[in-house]
Amino acid sequence: MKKSITFRERQVLQCLAEGLTSKETAKKLFLSQDTIKTYRSRLLIKLQAKNAFQLGMKCVNFEINLSNESEQLLKVV
């Protein structure tokens, strides 16, 4: 079952895939670290993952294409 992933959640997932920390992600997306942690928590719930590693694995399983769409959108930010 696919879960609806928002634009910002996709951006956070892209940063996670790049290996960025919450602090680095917050800086890149012009958000607070607490906001990033909230997005990650929501993603853990939506994708039923236990940790960041599982989030990445779930993305592959749900065929979420982060490399094309989100990468282009991140360049605009």
PDB file of N, CA and C in Angstrom:
ATOM      1  N   MET A   1       0.837  -1.180   0.000  1.00  0.00           N
ATOM      2  CA  MET A   1       0.000   0.000   0.000  1.00  0.00           C
ATOM      3  C   MET A   1       0.883   1.245   0.000  1.00  0.00           C
ATOM      4  N   LYS A   2       0.688   2.132  -0.983  1.00  0.00           N
ATOM      5  CA  LYS A   2       1.465   3.363  -1.056  1.00  0.00           C
ATOM      6  C   LYS A   2       0.885   4.404  -0.117  1.00  0.00           C
ATOM      7  N   LYS A   3       1.766   5.154   0.488  1.00  0.00           N
ATOM      8  CA  LYS A   3       1.381   6.266   1.342  1.00  0.00           C
ATOM      9  C   LYS A   3       1.638   7.549   0.583  1.00  0.00           C
ATOM     10  N   SER A   4       0.850   8.564   0.855  1.00  0.00           N
ATOM     11  CA  SER A   4       1.032   9.852   0.216  1.00  0.00           C
ATOM     12  C   SER A   4       2.201  10.588   0.863  1.00  0.00           C
ATOM     13  N   ILE A   5       3.191  10.920   0.069  1.00  0.00           N
ATOM     14  CA  ILE A   5       4.381  11.610   0.545  1.00  0.00           C
ATOM     15  C   ILE A   5       4.328  13.043   0.007  1.00  0.00           C
ATOM     16  N   THR A   6       4.456  14.021   0.898  1.00  0.00           N
ATOM     17  CA  THR A   6       4.396  15.415   0.494  1.00  0.00           C
ATOM     18  C   THR A   6       5.702  15.849  -0.174  1.00  0.00           C
ATOM     19  N   PHE A   7       5.644  17.010  -0.790  1.00  0.00           N
ATOM     20  CA  PHE A   7       6.814  17.588  -1.431  1.00  0.00           C
ATOM     21  C   PHE A   7       7.956  17.739  -0.435  1.00  0.00           C
ATOM     22  N   ARG A   8       7.678  18.318   0.733  1.00  0.00           N
ATOM     23  CA  ARG A   8       8.716  18.523   1.748  1.00  0.00           C
ATOM     24  C   ARG A   8       9.257  17.194   2.254  1.00  0.00           C
ATOM     25  N   GLU A   9       8.388  16.216   2.427  1.00  0.00           N
ATOM     26  CA  GLU A   9       8.849  14.900   2.872  1.00  0.00           C
ATOM     27  C   GLU A   9       9.788  14.291   1.840  1.00  0.00           C
ATOM     28  N   ARG A  10       9.495  14.500   0.581  1.00  0.00           N
ATOM     29  CA  ARG A  10      10.389  14.015  -0.478  1.00  0.00           C
ATOM     30  C   ARG A  10      11.752  14.701  -0.388  1.00  0.00           C
ATOM     31  N   GLN A  11      11.722  15.997  -0.105  1.00  0.00           N
ATOM     32  CA  GLN A  11      12.979  16.726   0.039  1.00  0.00           C
ATOM     33  C   GLN A  11      13.785  16.188   1.213  1.00  0.00           C
ATOM     34  N   VAL A  12      13.122  15.931   2.323  1.00  0.00           N
ATOM     35  CA  VAL A  12      13.803  15.394   3.502  1.00  0.00           C
ATOM     36  C   VAL A  12      14.366  14.010   3.193  1.00  0.00           C
ATOM     37  N   LEU A  13      13.604  13.187   2.498  1.00  0.00           N
ATOM     38  CA  LEU A  13      14.088  11.865   2.102  1.00  0.00           C
ATOM     39  C   LEU A  13      15.299  11.976   1.180  1.00  0.00           C
ATOM     40  N   GLN A  14      15.268  12.929   0.269  1.00  0.00           N
ATOM     41  CA  GLN A  14      16.408  13.123  -0.632  1.00  0.00           C
ATOM     42  C   GLN A  14      17.653  13.472   0.172  1.00  0.00           C
ATOM     43  N   CYS A  15      17.501  14.368   1.139  1.00  0.00           N
ATOM     44  CA  CYS A  15      18.643  14.752   1.976  1.00  0.00           C
ATOM     45  C   CYS A  15      19.137  13.559   2.790  1.00  0.00           C
ATOM     46  N   LEU A  16      18.221  12.767   3.284  1.00  0.00           N
ATOM     47  CA  LEU A  16      18.576  11.551   4.012  1.00  0.00           C
ATOM     48  C   LEU A  16      19.377  10.616   3.107  1.00  0.00           C
ATOM     49  N   ALA A  17      18.911  10.481   1.864  1.00  0.00           N
ATOM     50  CA  ALA A  17      19.609   9.618   0.901  1.00  0.00           C
ATOM     51  C   ALA A  17      21.008  10.152   0.593  1.00  0.00           C
ATOM     52  N   GLU A  18      21.180  11.463   0.690  1.00  0.00           N
ATOM     53  CA  GLU A  18      22.492  12.073   0.459  1.00  0.00           C
ATOM     54  C   GLU A  18      23.399  11.946   1.677  1.00  0.00           C
ATOM     55  N   GLY A  19      22.831  11.459   2.776  1.00  0.00           N
ATOM     56  CA  GLY A  19      23.621  11.276   3.984  1.00  0.00           C
ATOM     57  C   GLY A  19      23.728  12.521   4.850  1.00  0.00           C
ATOM     58  N   LEU A  20      22.852  13.500   4.614  1.00  0.00           N
ATOM     59  CA  LEU A  20      22.891  14.718   5.407  1.00  0.00           C
ATOM     60  C   LEU A  20      22.299  14.496   6.801  1.00  0.00           C
ATOM     61  N   THR A  21      22.837  15.204   7.772  1.00  0.00           N
ATOM     62  CA  THR A  21      22.289  15.170   9.130  1.00  0.00           C
ATOM     63  C   THR A  21      21.051  16.051   9.177  1.00  0.00           C
ATOM     64  N   SER A  22      20.324  15.990  10.299  1.00  0.00           N
ATOM     65  CA  SER A  22      19.153  16.856  10.470  1.00  0.00           C
ATOM     66  C   SER A  22      19.561  18.325  10.407  1.00  0.00           C
ATOM     67  N   LYS A  23      20.692  18.649  11.007  1.00  0.00           N
ATOM     68  CA  LYS A  23      21.186  20.028  11.003  1.00  0.00           C
ATOM     69  C   LYS A  23      21.497  20.486   9.581  1.00  0.00           C
ATOM     70  N   GLU A  24      22.184  19.643   8.814  1.00  0.00           N
ATOM     71  CA  GLU A  24      22.521  19.974   7.433  1.00  0.00           C
ATOM     72  C   GLU A  24      21.268  20.086   6.560  1.00  0.00           C
ATOM     73  N   THR A  25      20.324  19.175   6.792  1.00  0.00           N
ATOM     74  CA  THR A  25      19.065  19.193   6.048  1.00  0.00           C
ATOM     75  C   THR A  25      18.293  20.472   6.348  1.00  0.00           C
ATOM     76  N   ALA A  26      18.240  20.834   7.608  1.00  0.00           N
ATOM     77  CA  ALA A  26      17.541  22.058   8.012  1.00  0.00           C
ATOM     78  C   ALA A  26      18.140  23.277   7.329  1.00  0.00           C
ATOM     79  N   LYS A  27      19.444  23.333   7.292  1.00  0.00           N
ATOM     80  CA  LYS A  27      20.128  24.462   6.660  1.00  0.00           C
ATOM     81  C   LYS A  27      19.838  24.495   5.157  1.00  0.00           C
ATOM     82  N   LYS A  28      19.903  23.340   4.528  1.00  0.00           N
ATOM     83  CA  LYS A  28      19.687  23.256   3.080  1.00  0.00           C
ATOM     84  C   LYS A  28      18.257  23.645   2.699  1.00  0.00           C
ATOM     85  N   LEU A  29      17.283  23.248   3.530  1.00  0.00           N
ATOM     86  CA  LEU A  29      15.875  23.496   3.210  1.00  0.00           C
ATOM     87  C   LEU A  29      15.318  24.744   3.884  1.00  0.00           C
ATOM     88  N   PHE A  30      16.182  25.466   4.606  1.00  0.00           N
ATOM     89  CA  PHE A  30      15.768  26.679   5.306  1.00  0.00           C
ATOM     90  C   PHE A  30      14.640  26.409   6.308  1.00  0.00           C
ATOM     91  N   LEU A  31      14.811  25.356   7.080  1.00  0.00           N
ATOM     92  CA  LEU A  31      13.860  24.966   8.114  1.00  0.00           C
ATOM     93  C   LEU A  31      14.614  24.765   9.421  1.00  0.00           C
ATOM     94  N   SER A  32      13.889  24.639  10.529  1.00  0.00           N
ATOM     95  CA  SER A  32      14.538  24.367  11.808  1.00  0.00           C
ATOM     96  C   SER A  32      14.823  22.870  11.934  1.00  0.00           C
ATOM     97  N   GLN A  33      15.749  22.540  12.809  1.00  0.00           N
ATOM     98  CA  GLN A  33      16.059  21.129  13.050  1.00  0.00           C
ATOM     99  C   GLN A  33      14.846  20.401  13.614  1.00  0.00           C
ATOM    100  N   ASP A  34      14.083  21.068  14.454  1.00  0.00           N
ATOM    101  CA  ASP A  34      12.879  20.447  15.012  1.00  0.00           C
ATOM    102  C   ASP A  34      11.873  20.105  13.914  1.00  0.00           C
ATOM    103  N   THR A  35      11.766  20.975  12.923  1.00  0.00           N
ATOM    104  CA  THR A  35      10.867  20.709  11.798  1.00  0.00           C
ATOM    105  C   THR A  35      11.330  19.488  11.019  1.00  0.00           C
ATOM    106  N   ILE A  36      12.619  19.377  10.798  1.00  0.00           N
ATOM    107  CA  ILE A  36      13.172  18.216  10.088  1.00  0.00           C
ATOM    108  C   ILE A  36      12.883  16.942  10.876  1.00  0.00           C
ATOM    109  N   LYS A  37      13.069  17.000  12.184  1.00  0.00           N
ATOM    110  CA  LYS A  37      12.790  15.833  13.028  1.00  0.00           C
ATOM    111  C   LYS A  37      11.322  15.448  12.953  1.00  0.00           C
ATOM    112  N   THR A  38      10.443  16.443  12.865  1.00  0.00           N
ATOM    113  CA  THR A  38       9.008  16.164  12.725  1.00  0.00           C
ATOM    114  C   THR A  38       8.725  15.466  11.404  1.00  0.00           C
ATOM    115  N   TYR A  39       9.310  15.973  10.320  1.00  0.00           N
ATOM    116  CA  TYR A  39       9.126  15.328   9.020  1.00  0.00           C
ATOM    117  C   TYR A  39       9.639  13.891   9.036  1.00  0.00           C
ATOM    118  N   ARG A  40      10.802  13.685   9.635  1.00  0.00           N
ATOM    119  CA  ARG A  40      11.358  12.323   9.694  1.00  0.00           C
ATOM    120  C   ARG A  40      10.461  11.411  10.511  1.00  0.00           C
ATOM    121  N   SER A  41       9.912  11.919  11.607  1.00  0.00           N
ATOM    122  CA  SER A  41       8.993  11.114  12.432  1.00  0.00           C
ATOM    123  C   SER A  41       7.749  10.733  11.640  1.00  0.00           C
ATOM    124  N   ARG A  42       7.218  11.692  10.898  1.00  0.00           N
ATOM    125  CA  ARG A  42       6.037  11.407  10.073  1.00  0.00           C
ATOM    126  C   ARG A  42       6.352  10.375   9.004  1.00  0.00           C
ATOM    127  N   LEU A  43       7.534  10.487   8.416  1.00  0.00           N
ATOM    128  CA  LEU A  43       7.942   9.522   7.396  1.00  0.00           C
ATOM    129  C   LEU A  43       8.099   8.123   7.985  1.00  0.00           C
ATOM    130  N   LEU A  44       8.661   8.048   9.176  1.00  0.00           N
ATOM    131  CA  LEU A  44       8.797   6.746   9.839  1.00  0.00           C
ATOM    132  C   LEU A  44       7.428   6.092  10.009  1.00  0.00           C
ATOM    133  N   ILE A  45       6.443   6.892  10.406  1.00  0.00           N
ATOM    134  CA  ILE A  45       5.083   6.366  10.601  1.00  0.00           C
ATOM    135  C   ILE A  45       4.451   6.000   9.259  1.00  0.00           C
ATOM    136  N   LYS A  46       4.507   6.936   8.298  1.00  0.00           N
ATOM    137  CA  LYS A  46       3.877   6.700   6.997  1.00  0.00           C
ATOM    138  C   LYS A  46       4.439   5.469   6.301  1.00  0.00           C
ATOM    139  N   LEU A  47       5.742   5.301   6.400  1.00  0.00           N
ATOM    140  CA  LEU A  47       6.384   4.182   5.704  1.00  0.00           C
ATOM    141  C   LEU A  47       6.627   2.981   6.608  1.00  0.00           C
ATOM    142  N   GLN A  48       6.127   3.067   7.832  1.00  0.00           N
ATOM    143  CA  GLN A  48       6.241   1.981   8.811  1.00  0.00           C
ATOM    144  C   GLN A  48       7.686   1.492   8.938  1.00  0.00           C
ATOM    145  N   ALA A  49       8.579   2.452   9.139  1.00  0.00           N
ATOM    146  CA  ALA A  49      10.002   2.149   9.290  1.00  0.00           C
ATOM    147  C   ALA A  49      10.418   2.387  10.738  1.00  0.00           C
ATOM    148  N   LYS A  50      11.439   1.660  11.177  1.00  0.00           N
ATOM    149  CA  LYS A  50      11.932   1.785  12.547  1.00  0.00           C
ATOM    150  C   LYS A  50      13.047   2.804  12.681  1.00  0.00           C
ATOM    151  N   ASN A  51      13.748   3.085  11.566  1.00  0.00           N
ATOM    152  CA  ASN A  51      14.880   4.003  11.615  1.00  0.00           C
ATOM    153  C   ASN A  51      15.156   4.548  10.214  1.00  0.00           C
ATOM    154  N   ALA A  52      16.155   5.428  10.122  1.00  0.00           N
ATOM    155  CA  ALA A  52      16.474   6.077   8.854  1.00  0.00           C
ATOM    156  C   ALA A  52      16.883   5.067   7.772  1.00  0.00           C
ATOM    157  N   PHE A  53      17.596   4.039   8.170  1.00  0.00           N
ATOM    158  CA  PHE A  53      17.998   3.021   7.196  1.00  0.00           C
ATOM    159  C   PHE A  53      16.767   2.365   6.572  1.00  0.00           C
ATOM    160  N   GLN A  54      15.814   2.015   7.416  1.00  0.00           N
ATOM    161  CA  GLN A  54      14.600   1.393   6.893  1.00  0.00           C
ATOM    162  C   GLN A  54      13.808   2.350   6.011  1.00  0.00           C
ATOM    163  N   LEU A  55      13.872   3.653   6.311  1.00  0.00           N
ATOM    164  CA  LEU A  55      13.212   4.622   5.433  1.00  0.00           C
ATOM    165  C   LEU A  55      13.752   4.496   4.019  1.00  0.00           C
ATOM    166  N   GLY A  56      15.060   4.423   3.906  1.00  0.00           N
ATOM    167  CA  GLY A  56      15.674   4.262   2.588  1.00  0.00           C
ATOM    168  C   GLY A  56      15.231   2.984   1.899  1.00  0.00           C
ATOM    169  N   MET A  57      15.162   1.909   2.651  1.00  0.00           N
ATOM    170  CA  MET A  57      14.727   0.627   2.087  1.00  0.00           C
ATOM    171  C   MET A  57      13.259   0.686   1.661  1.00  0.00           C
ATOM    172  N   LYS A  58      12.439   1.359   2.452  1.00  0.00           N
ATOM    173  CA  LYS A  58      11.020   1.485   2.111  1.00  0.00           C
ATOM    174  C   LYS A  58      10.845   2.297   0.831  1.00  0.00           C
ATOM    175  N   CYS A  59      11.675   3.302   0.644  1.00  0.00           N
ATOM    176  CA  CYS A  59      11.596   4.101  -0.580  1.00  0.00           C
ATOM    177  C   CYS A  59      11.797   3.226  -1.801  1.00  0.00           C
ATOM    178  N   VAL A  60      12.741   2.335  -1.716  1.00  0.00           N
ATOM    179  CA  VAL A  60      12.997   1.411  -2.826  1.00  0.00           C
ATOM    180  C   VAL A  60      11.785   0.498  -3.020  1.00  0.00           C
ATOM    181  N   ASN A  61      11.253  -0.019  -1.924  1.00  0.00           N
ATOM    182  CA  ASN A  61      10.111  -0.930  -2.006  1.00  0.00           C
ATOM    183  C   ASN A  61       8.866  -0.248  -2.558  1.00  0.00           C
ATOM    184  N   PHE A  62       8.649   1.019  -2.188  1.00  0.00           N
ATOM    185  CA  PHE A  62       7.482   1.750  -2.660  1.00  0.00           C
ATOM    186  C   PHE A  62       7.733   2.453  -3.988  1.00  0.00           C
ATOM    187  N   GLU A  63       8.946   2.275  -4.522  1.00  0.00           N
ATOM    188  CA  GLU A  63       9.329   2.852  -5.806  1.00  0.00           C
ATOM    189  C   GLU A  63       9.145   4.368  -5.817  1.00  0.00           C
ATOM    190  N   ILE A  64       9.571   5.019  -4.745  1.00  0.00           N
ATOM    191  CA  ILE A  64       9.526   6.473  -4.696  1.00  0.00           C
ATOM    192  C   ILE A  64      10.743   6.983  -5.447  1.00  0.00           C
ATOM    193  N   ASN A  65      10.511   7.743  -6.500  1.00  0.00           N
ATOM    194  CA  ASN A  65      11.606   8.221  -7.323  1.00  0.00           C
ATOM    195  C   ASN A  65      12.113   9.556  -6.779  1.00  0.00           C
ATOM    196  N   LEU A  66      13.100   9.507  -5.919  1.00  0.00           N
ATOM    197  CA  LEU A  66      13.655  10.712  -5.316  1.00  0.00           C
ATOM    198  C   LEU A  66      14.686  11.373  -6.216  1.00  0.00           C
ATOM    199  N   SER A  67      15.405  10.590  -6.976  1.00  0.00           N
ATOM    200  CA  SER A  67      16.529  11.138  -7.717  1.00  0.00           C
ATOM    201  C   SER A  67      16.108  12.061  -8.850  1.00  0.00           C
ATOM    202  N   ASN A  68      14.959  11.858  -9.444  1.00  0.00           N
ATOM    203  CA  ASN A  68      14.556  12.708 -10.562  1.00  0.00           C
ATOM    204  C   ASN A  68      13.767  13.916 -10.108  1.00  0.00           C
ATOM    205  N   GLU A  69      12.585  13.707  -9.612  1.00  0.00           N
ATOM    206  CA  GLU A  69      11.674  14.803  -9.281  1.00  0.00           C
ATOM    207  C   GLU A  69      12.195  15.685  -8.156  1.00  0.00           C
ATOM    208  N   SER A  70      12.575  15.129  -7.023  1.00  0.00           N
ATOM    209  CA  SER A  70      12.987  15.929  -5.880  1.00  0.00           C
ATOM    210  C   SER A  70      14.298  16.632  -6.124  1.00  0.00           C
ATOM    211  N   GLU A  71      15.215  15.987  -6.833  1.00  0.00           N
ATOM    212  CA  GLU A  71      16.495  16.617  -7.096  1.00  0.00           C
ATOM    213  C   GLU A  71      16.299  17.881  -7.914  1.00  0.00           C
ATOM    214  N   GLN A  72      15.430  17.834  -8.903  1.00  0.00           N
ATOM    215  CA  GLN A  72      15.154  19.007  -9.711  1.00  0.00           C
ATOM    216  C   GLN A  72      14.485  20.088  -8.864  1.00  0.00           C
ATOM    217  N   LEU A  73      13.575  19.687  -8.001  1.00  0.00           N
ATOM    218  CA  LEU A  73      12.865  20.656  -7.178  1.00  0.00           C
ATOM    219  C   LEU A  73      13.777  21.270  -6.134  1.00  0.00           C
ATOM    220  N   LEU A  74      14.737  20.492  -5.625  1.00  0.00           N
ATOM    221  CA  LEU A  74      15.666  21.026  -4.641  1.00  0.00           C
ATOM    222  C   LEU A  74      16.534  22.123  -5.240  1.00  0.00           C
ATOM    223  N   LYS A  75      16.813  22.050  -6.515  1.00  0.00           N
ATOM    224  CA  LYS A  75      17.636  23.062  -7.170  1.00  0.00           C
ATOM    225  C   LYS A  75      16.932  24.411  -7.198  1.00  0.00           C
ATOM    226  N   VAL A  76      15.593  24.380  -7.212  1.00  0.00           N
ATOM    227  CA  VAL A  76      14.814  25.606  -7.238  1.00  0.00           C
ATOM    228  C   VAL A  76      14.842  26.290  -5.882  1.00  0.00           C
ATOM    229  N   VAL A  77      14.908  25.492  -4.801  1.00  0.00           N
ATOM    230  CA  VAL A  77      14.853  26.044  -3.440  1.00  0.00           C
ATOM    231  C   VAL A  77      16.045  26.906  -3.157  1.00  0.00           C
TER     232      VAL A  77
END
